[in-house]
Structure formats: C-alpha cells, structure tokens
Amino acid sequence: MATDPIGSTTNGDPGAAGSGPDAVRRATRSARRPPRATRTRAGAAWVGVCIAALLLIALIIFMLQNTQRVLVSFLGMQGSVPLALALLIAGIGVGVVALVIGTVRISQLRRRISHSS
C-alpha cells in the first residue's frame, strides 16, 4: 500500500483537492449537501407566530390553573378577581408602560438623526 507524499498532489496544502480516496470522499460529501435556504422576513414572521402561539397556550394553561379569587386594592378601590386575571392585567399594564417609554425614546432618536443630517 503506497502513499503519495503530500507535496506531490497538493503542493504542500493538505486541504487542497487531490486524487485518492480522500478527494473522492470530499467530492461525494459536498455533492450530497442540499443547498442552504436563505432567511426571509416571512420565515422570521412564521417563527415569531409559532413562538407566540406556544406562549399563548402556556398563558391559557396558567389562567385555567389559577382561578382562586384574590382581593385587589388599587387607588382606593377594592375588588375580588381571579388571580390569573389580576396578574394578566398587571402584565398588560407593564407592557403598555414599556411601549410608551420605547416610543418616546425612538422618537427622540429619530429627531436627533433628522436634525444632524
């Protein structure tokens, strides 16, 4: 079983294509690979929708498991609501505050960019 010296087939570059079983393996391996699909906005939106659906399912399960009523006090008002509903309203309130703060910051940055150009 004779082997060719590295320099004779690849000019000293072991990664270069040559002859022999290694070159055949590399050629067949690259021929079997399917082309990679490019990422698109529609694909990203699809992944986002799937993640949102899973989160919604988890939220529904959470709400169904936390139906016991709790006393809630806010600005002098009191009421008894299911625990899941109270937490959902609090979460939506935090989301609205984050949206308002984010909107203000984005508008500041846009004004700064338009004034500088």
N, C-alpha and C. Protein backbone atom coordinates (compact mmCIF):
# COMPACT_ATOMS: atom_id res chain seq x y z
N MET A 1 0.86 -1.16 0.00
CA MET A 1 0.00 0.00 0.00
C MET A 1 0.90 1.22 0.00
N ALA A 2 1.01 1.85 -1.13
CA ALA A 2 1.89 3.01 -1.28
C ALA A 2 1.08 4.28 -1.12
N THR A 3 1.68 5.28 -0.50
CA THR A 3 1.02 6.58 -0.35
C THR A 3 1.82 7.63 -1.06
N ASP A 4 1.12 8.61 -1.61
CA ASP A 4 1.79 9.72 -2.26
C ASP A 4 2.25 10.72 -1.21
N PRO A 5 3.43 11.28 -1.36
CA PRO A 5 3.81 12.34 -0.43
C PRO A 5 2.89 13.54 -0.61
N ILE A 6 2.70 14.31 0.45
CA ILE A 6 1.79 15.45 0.42
C ILE A 6 2.16 16.42 -0.68
N GLY A 7 3.40 16.70 -0.85
CA GLY A 7 3.84 17.68 -1.83
C GLY A 7 3.53 17.29 -3.26
N SER A 8 3.43 16.02 -3.56
CA SER A 8 3.25 15.61 -4.95
C SER A 8 1.84 15.87 -5.47
N THR A 9 0.83 15.84 -4.63
CA THR A 9 -0.54 16.00 -5.13
C THR A 9 -1.16 17.32 -4.74
N THR A 10 -0.67 17.96 -3.68
CA THR A 10 -1.35 19.16 -3.19
C THR A 10 -0.44 20.36 -3.06
N ASN A 11 0.78 20.28 -3.51
CA ASN A 11 1.74 21.37 -3.37
C ASN A 11 1.87 21.83 -1.92
N GLY A 12 1.84 20.92 -0.99
CA GLY A 12 2.03 21.25 0.41
C GLY A 12 0.77 21.69 1.13
N ASP A 13 -0.36 21.78 0.44
CA ASP A 13 -1.61 22.20 1.07
C ASP A 13 -2.46 20.96 1.29
N PRO A 14 -2.51 20.44 2.53
CA PRO A 14 -3.26 19.21 2.77
C PRO A 14 -4.75 19.37 2.54
N GLY A 15 -5.28 20.59 2.54
CA GLY A 15 -6.71 20.78 2.32
C GLY A 15 -7.07 20.86 0.85
N ALA A 16 -6.08 20.96 -0.03
CA ALA A 16 -6.38 21.08 -1.46
C ALA A 16 -6.86 19.75 -2.01
N ALA A 17 -7.65 19.86 -3.09
CA ALA A 17 -8.19 18.64 -3.71
C ALA A 17 -7.07 17.91 -4.42
N GLY A 18 -7.05 16.63 -4.26
CA GLY A 18 -6.05 15.80 -4.93
C GLY A 18 -6.74 14.56 -5.47
N SER A 19 -5.96 13.55 -5.66
CA SER A 19 -6.56 12.30 -6.10
C SER A 19 -6.50 11.33 -4.94
N GLY A 20 -7.27 10.31 -5.03
CA GLY A 20 -7.25 9.31 -3.99
C GLY A 20 -8.56 9.27 -3.24
N PRO A 21 -8.63 8.42 -2.22
CA PRO A 21 -9.90 8.22 -1.50
C PRO A 21 -10.38 9.46 -0.76
N ASP A 22 -9.46 10.28 -0.23
CA ASP A 22 -9.88 11.49 0.48
C ASP A 22 -10.57 12.47 -0.45
N ALA A 23 -10.04 12.65 -1.63
CA ALA A 23 -10.64 13.57 -2.59
C ALA A 23 -12.01 13.07 -3.02
N VAL A 24 -12.16 11.77 -3.18
CA VAL A 24 -13.45 11.21 -3.58
C VAL A 24 -14.46 11.41 -2.46
N ARG A 25 -14.05 11.20 -1.20
CA ARG A 25 -14.95 11.41 -0.06
C ARG A 25 -15.40 12.85 0.02
N ARG A 26 -14.46 13.80 -0.17
CA ARG A 26 -14.83 15.22 -0.12
C ARG A 26 -15.80 15.57 -1.24
N ALA A 27 -15.58 15.05 -2.41
CA ALA A 27 -16.44 15.35 -3.56
C ALA A 27 -17.84 14.79 -3.35
N THR A 28 -17.95 13.56 -2.85
CA THR A 28 -19.28 12.98 -2.67
C THR A 28 -19.99 13.63 -1.49
N ARG A 29 -19.25 14.03 -0.45
CA ARG A 29 -19.86 14.70 0.69
C ARG A 29 -20.45 16.05 0.28
N SER A 30 -19.70 16.81 -0.52
CA SER A 30 -20.21 18.11 -0.95
C SER A 30 -21.34 17.96 -1.95
N ALA A 31 -21.36 16.88 -2.72
CA ALA A 31 -22.43 16.66 -3.68
C ALA A 31 -23.74 16.28 -2.98
N ARG A 32 -23.66 15.68 -1.81
CA ARG A 32 -24.86 15.26 -1.09
C ARG A 32 -25.51 16.39 -0.32
N ARG A 33 -24.79 17.47 -0.04
CA ARG A 33 -25.35 18.56 0.75
C ARG A 33 -26.40 19.32 -0.04
N PRO A 34 -27.60 19.46 0.55
CA PRO A 34 -28.61 20.27 -0.14
C PRO A 34 -28.23 21.75 -0.02
N PRO A 35 -28.67 22.56 -0.96
CA PRO A 35 -28.36 23.99 -0.87
C PRO A 35 -29.06 24.61 0.34
N ARG A 36 -28.40 25.56 0.98
CA ARG A 36 -28.98 26.21 2.15
C ARG A 36 -30.04 27.21 1.72
N ALA A 37 -31.15 27.21 2.41
CA ALA A 37 -32.22 28.16 2.12
C ALA A 37 -31.86 29.50 2.75
N THR A 38 -32.19 30.57 2.04
CA THR A 38 -31.92 31.90 2.58
C THR A 38 -33.00 32.26 3.58
N ARG A 39 -32.64 33.07 4.54
CA ARG A 39 -33.60 33.51 5.55
C ARG A 39 -34.38 34.68 4.99
N THR A 40 -35.70 34.65 5.24
CA THR A 40 -36.56 35.71 4.74
C THR A 40 -37.37 36.30 5.89
N ARG A 41 -37.99 37.44 5.62
CA ARG A 41 -38.85 38.06 6.64
C ARG A 41 -40.07 37.19 6.90
N ALA A 42 -40.58 36.56 5.86
CA ALA A 42 -41.74 35.68 6.05
C ALA A 42 -41.39 34.50 6.95
N GLY A 43 -40.19 33.96 6.77
CA GLY A 43 -39.75 32.86 7.64
C GLY A 43 -39.60 33.31 9.08
N ALA A 44 -39.03 34.50 9.27
CA ALA A 44 -38.88 35.03 10.63
C ALA A 44 -40.25 35.30 11.25
N ALA A 45 -41.18 35.80 10.45
CA ALA A 45 -42.54 36.04 10.96
C ALA A 45 -43.20 34.73 11.36
N TRP A 46 -42.98 33.68 10.56
CA TRP A 46 -43.55 32.38 10.87
C TRP A 46 -43.02 31.84 12.20
N VAL A 47 -41.72 31.98 12.42
CA VAL A 47 -41.13 31.54 13.69
C VAL A 47 -41.72 32.35 14.84
N GLY A 48 -41.88 33.65 14.64
CA GLY A 48 -42.47 34.50 15.67
C GLY A 48 -43.90 34.10 16.00
N VAL A 49 -44.68 33.79 14.98
CA VAL A 49 -46.07 33.37 15.19
C VAL A 49 -46.10 32.04 15.95
N CYS A 50 -45.22 31.12 15.62
CA CYS A 50 -45.17 29.84 16.33
C CYS A 50 -44.82 30.02 17.80
N ILE A 51 -43.83 30.87 18.08
CA ILE A 51 -43.44 31.13 19.47
C ILE A 51 -44.59 31.80 20.22
N ALA A 52 -45.25 32.76 19.57
CA ALA A 52 -46.38 33.45 20.21
C ALA A 52 -47.51 32.47 20.52
N ALA A 53 -47.78 31.53 19.61
CA ALA A 53 -48.83 30.54 19.84
C ALA A 53 -48.49 29.65 21.03
N LEU A 54 -47.22 29.26 21.14
CA LEU A 54 -46.82 28.44 22.30
C LEU A 54 -46.95 29.22 23.61
N LEU A 55 -46.57 30.49 23.58
CA LEU A 55 -46.71 31.32 24.78
C LEU A 55 -48.18 31.52 25.15
N LEU A 56 -49.04 31.67 24.14
CA LEU A 56 -50.47 31.82 24.40
C LEU A 56 -51.05 30.55 25.02
N ILE A 57 -50.63 29.41 24.55
CA ILE A 57 -51.08 28.15 25.14
C ILE A 57 -50.64 28.06 26.61
N ALA A 58 -49.39 28.44 26.88
CA ALA A 58 -48.90 28.43 28.27
C ALA A 58 -49.70 29.41 29.12
N LEU A 59 -50.05 30.58 28.58
CA LEU A 59 -50.84 31.56 29.33
C LEU A 59 -52.24 31.03 29.63
N ILE A 60 -52.84 30.37 28.67
CA ILE A 60 -54.18 29.80 28.89
C ILE A 60 -54.13 28.73 29.98
N ILE A 61 -53.12 27.88 29.95
CA ILE A 61 -52.98 26.85 30.99
C ILE A 61 -52.78 27.50 32.35
N PHE A 62 -51.95 28.55 32.40
CA PHE A 62 -51.73 29.28 33.66
C PHE A 62 -53.04 29.84 34.18
N MET A 63 -53.84 30.44 33.31
CA MET A 63 -55.09 31.06 33.75
C MET A 63 -56.09 30.01 34.22
N LEU A 64 -56.12 28.85 33.57
CA LEU A 64 -57.04 27.81 33.98
C LEU A 64 -56.66 27.20 35.33
N GLN A 65 -55.37 27.22 35.67
CA GLN A 65 -54.92 26.63 36.93
C GLN A 65 -54.98 27.61 38.10
N ASN A 66 -55.13 28.90 37.83
CA ASN A 66 -55.12 29.92 38.90
C ASN A 66 -56.44 30.68 38.91
N THR A 67 -57.50 29.97 39.27
CA THR A 67 -58.83 30.58 39.26
C THR A 67 -59.29 31.04 40.64
N GLN A 68 -58.50 30.82 41.69
CA GLN A 68 -58.92 31.25 43.02
C GLN A 68 -58.99 32.78 43.07
N ARG A 69 -59.95 33.29 43.79
CA ARG A 69 -60.18 34.73 43.85
C ARG A 69 -59.27 35.37 44.91
N VAL A 70 -58.78 36.57 44.58
CA VAL A 70 -57.93 37.32 45.50
C VAL A 70 -58.49 38.73 45.62
N LEU A 71 -58.19 39.37 46.74
CA LEU A 71 -58.61 40.75 46.98
C LEU A 71 -57.55 41.68 46.40
N VAL A 72 -57.97 42.59 45.53
CA VAL A 72 -57.05 43.52 44.90
C VAL A 72 -57.46 44.93 45.28
N SER A 73 -56.47 45.74 45.72
CA SER A 73 -56.71 47.15 46.04
C SER A 73 -55.88 48.00 45.12
N PHE A 74 -56.52 49.06 44.53
CA PHE A 74 -55.80 49.96 43.63
C PHE A 74 -56.47 51.33 43.68
N LEU A 75 -55.70 52.33 44.05
CA LEU A 75 -56.16 53.72 44.11
C LEU A 75 -57.46 53.86 44.91
N GLY A 76 -57.51 53.25 46.05
CA GLY A 76 -58.67 53.35 46.93
C GLY A 76 -59.82 52.42 46.56
N MET A 77 -59.71 51.73 45.46
CA MET A 77 -60.76 50.80 45.06
C MET A 77 -60.34 49.39 45.48
N GLN A 78 -61.34 48.58 45.80
CA GLN A 78 -61.07 47.20 46.16
C GLN A 78 -62.01 46.29 45.40
N GLY A 79 -61.52 45.12 45.09
CA GLY A 79 -62.36 44.16 44.40
C GLY A 79 -61.77 42.78 44.50
N SER A 80 -62.59 41.80 44.22
CA SER A 80 -62.16 40.42 44.24
C SER A 80 -62.18 39.89 42.81
N VAL A 81 -61.03 39.46 42.33
CA VAL A 81 -60.91 38.94 40.96
C VAL A 81 -60.09 37.66 41.00
N PRO A 82 -60.21 36.83 39.98
CA PRO A 82 -59.35 35.65 39.91
C PRO A 82 -57.87 36.06 39.83
N LEU A 83 -57.01 35.29 40.45
CA LEU A 83 -55.59 35.59 40.49
C LEU A 83 -54.99 35.74 39.09
N ALA A 84 -55.34 34.84 38.18
CA ALA A 84 -54.79 34.90 36.82
C ALA A 84 -55.17 36.19 36.13
N LEU A 85 -56.41 36.65 36.33
CA LEU A 85 -56.86 37.89 35.70
C LEU A 85 -56.10 39.08 36.28
N ALA A 86 -55.88 39.10 37.58
CA ALA A 86 -55.14 40.20 38.19
C ALA A 86 -53.71 40.25 37.66
N LEU A 87 -53.07 39.10 37.55
CA LEU A 87 -51.71 39.07 37.02
C LEU A 87 -51.66 39.44 35.54
N LEU A 88 -52.66 39.02 34.77
CA LEU A 88 -52.73 39.37 33.36
C LEU A 88 -52.88 40.88 33.18
N ILE A 89 -53.76 41.50 33.96
CA ILE A 89 -53.95 42.95 33.87
C ILE A 89 -52.67 43.67 34.27
N ALA A 90 -51.98 43.20 35.30
CA ALA A 90 -50.72 43.82 35.71
C ALA A 90 -49.67 43.68 34.61
N GLY A 91 -49.60 42.52 33.98
CA GLY A 91 -48.64 42.31 32.89
C GLY A 91 -48.92 43.20 31.69
N ILE A 92 -50.19 43.35 31.36
CA ILE A 92 -50.55 44.24 30.25
C ILE A 92 -50.20 45.68 30.59
N GLY A 93 -50.42 46.07 31.84
CA GLY A 93 -50.05 47.42 32.27
C GLY A 93 -48.56 47.67 32.13
N VAL A 94 -47.74 46.70 32.51
CA VAL A 94 -46.29 46.84 32.35
C VAL A 94 -45.92 46.93 30.87
N GLY A 95 -46.58 46.14 30.04
CA GLY A 95 -46.33 46.19 28.61
C GLY A 95 -46.67 47.54 28.01
N VAL A 96 -47.77 48.13 28.43
CA VAL A 96 -48.17 49.45 27.93
C VAL A 96 -47.15 50.50 28.35
N VAL A 97 -46.68 50.44 29.60
CA VAL A 97 -45.67 51.39 30.06
C VAL A 97 -44.38 51.23 29.25
N ALA A 98 -43.96 50.01 28.99
CA ALA A 98 -42.76 49.77 28.20
C ALA A 98 -42.93 50.29 26.77
N LEU A 99 -44.12 50.11 26.18
CA LEU A 99 -44.38 50.63 24.83
C LEU A 99 -44.30 52.16 24.79
N VAL A 100 -44.86 52.81 25.79
CA VAL A 100 -44.83 54.27 25.83
C VAL A 100 -43.39 54.77 25.95
N ILE A 101 -42.63 54.18 26.86
CA ILE A 101 -41.23 54.59 27.04
C ILE A 101 -40.42 54.32 25.78
N GLY A 102 -40.62 53.17 25.17
CA GLY A 102 -39.91 52.84 23.93
C GLY A 102 -40.27 53.79 22.80
N THR A 103 -41.55 54.14 22.68
CA THR A 103 -41.99 55.08 21.64
C THR A 103 -41.36 56.45 21.83
N VAL A 104 -41.31 56.92 23.06
CA VAL A 104 -40.68 58.22 23.34
C VAL A 104 -39.20 58.17 22.96
N ARG A 105 -38.52 57.13 23.33
CA ARG A 105 -37.08 57.02 23.02
C ARG A 105 -36.83 56.94 21.52
N ILE A 106 -37.62 56.18 20.80
CA ILE A 106 -37.46 56.06 19.35
C ILE A 106 -37.71 57.41 18.69
N SER A 107 -38.72 58.13 19.13
CA SER A 107 -38.99 59.44 18.54
C SER A 107 -37.85 60.41 18.83
N GLN A 108 -37.25 60.34 20.02
CA GLN A 108 -36.08 61.17 20.33
C GLN A 108 -34.93 60.87 19.38
N LEU A 109 -34.65 59.60 19.16
CA LEU A 109 -33.55 59.21 18.28
C LEU A 109 -33.82 59.63 16.84
N ARG A 110 -35.05 59.50 16.38
CA ARG A 110 -35.38 59.92 15.01
C ARG A 110 -35.21 61.42 14.84
N ARG A 111 -35.64 62.20 15.83
CA ARG A 111 -35.46 63.66 15.76
C ARG A 111 -33.98 64.01 15.74
N ARG A 112 -33.20 63.32 16.54
CA ARG A 112 -31.75 63.60 16.59
C ARG A 112 -31.10 63.29 15.24
N ILE A 113 -31.51 62.19 14.61
CA ILE A 113 -30.95 61.83 13.30
C ILE A 113 -31.38 62.84 12.24
N SER A 114 -32.64 63.26 12.25
CA SER A 114 -33.11 64.18 11.21
C SER A 114 -32.48 65.57 11.38
N HIS A 115 -32.19 66.00 12.61
CA HIS A 115 -31.56 67.30 12.84
C HIS A 115 -30.07 67.29 12.49
N SER A 116 -29.43 66.12 12.62
CA SER A 116 -27.99 66.05 12.35
C SER A 116 -27.67 65.93 10.87
N SER A 117 -28.63 65.50 10.06
CA SER A 117 -28.34 65.33 8.63
C SER A 117 -28.75 66.50 7.77
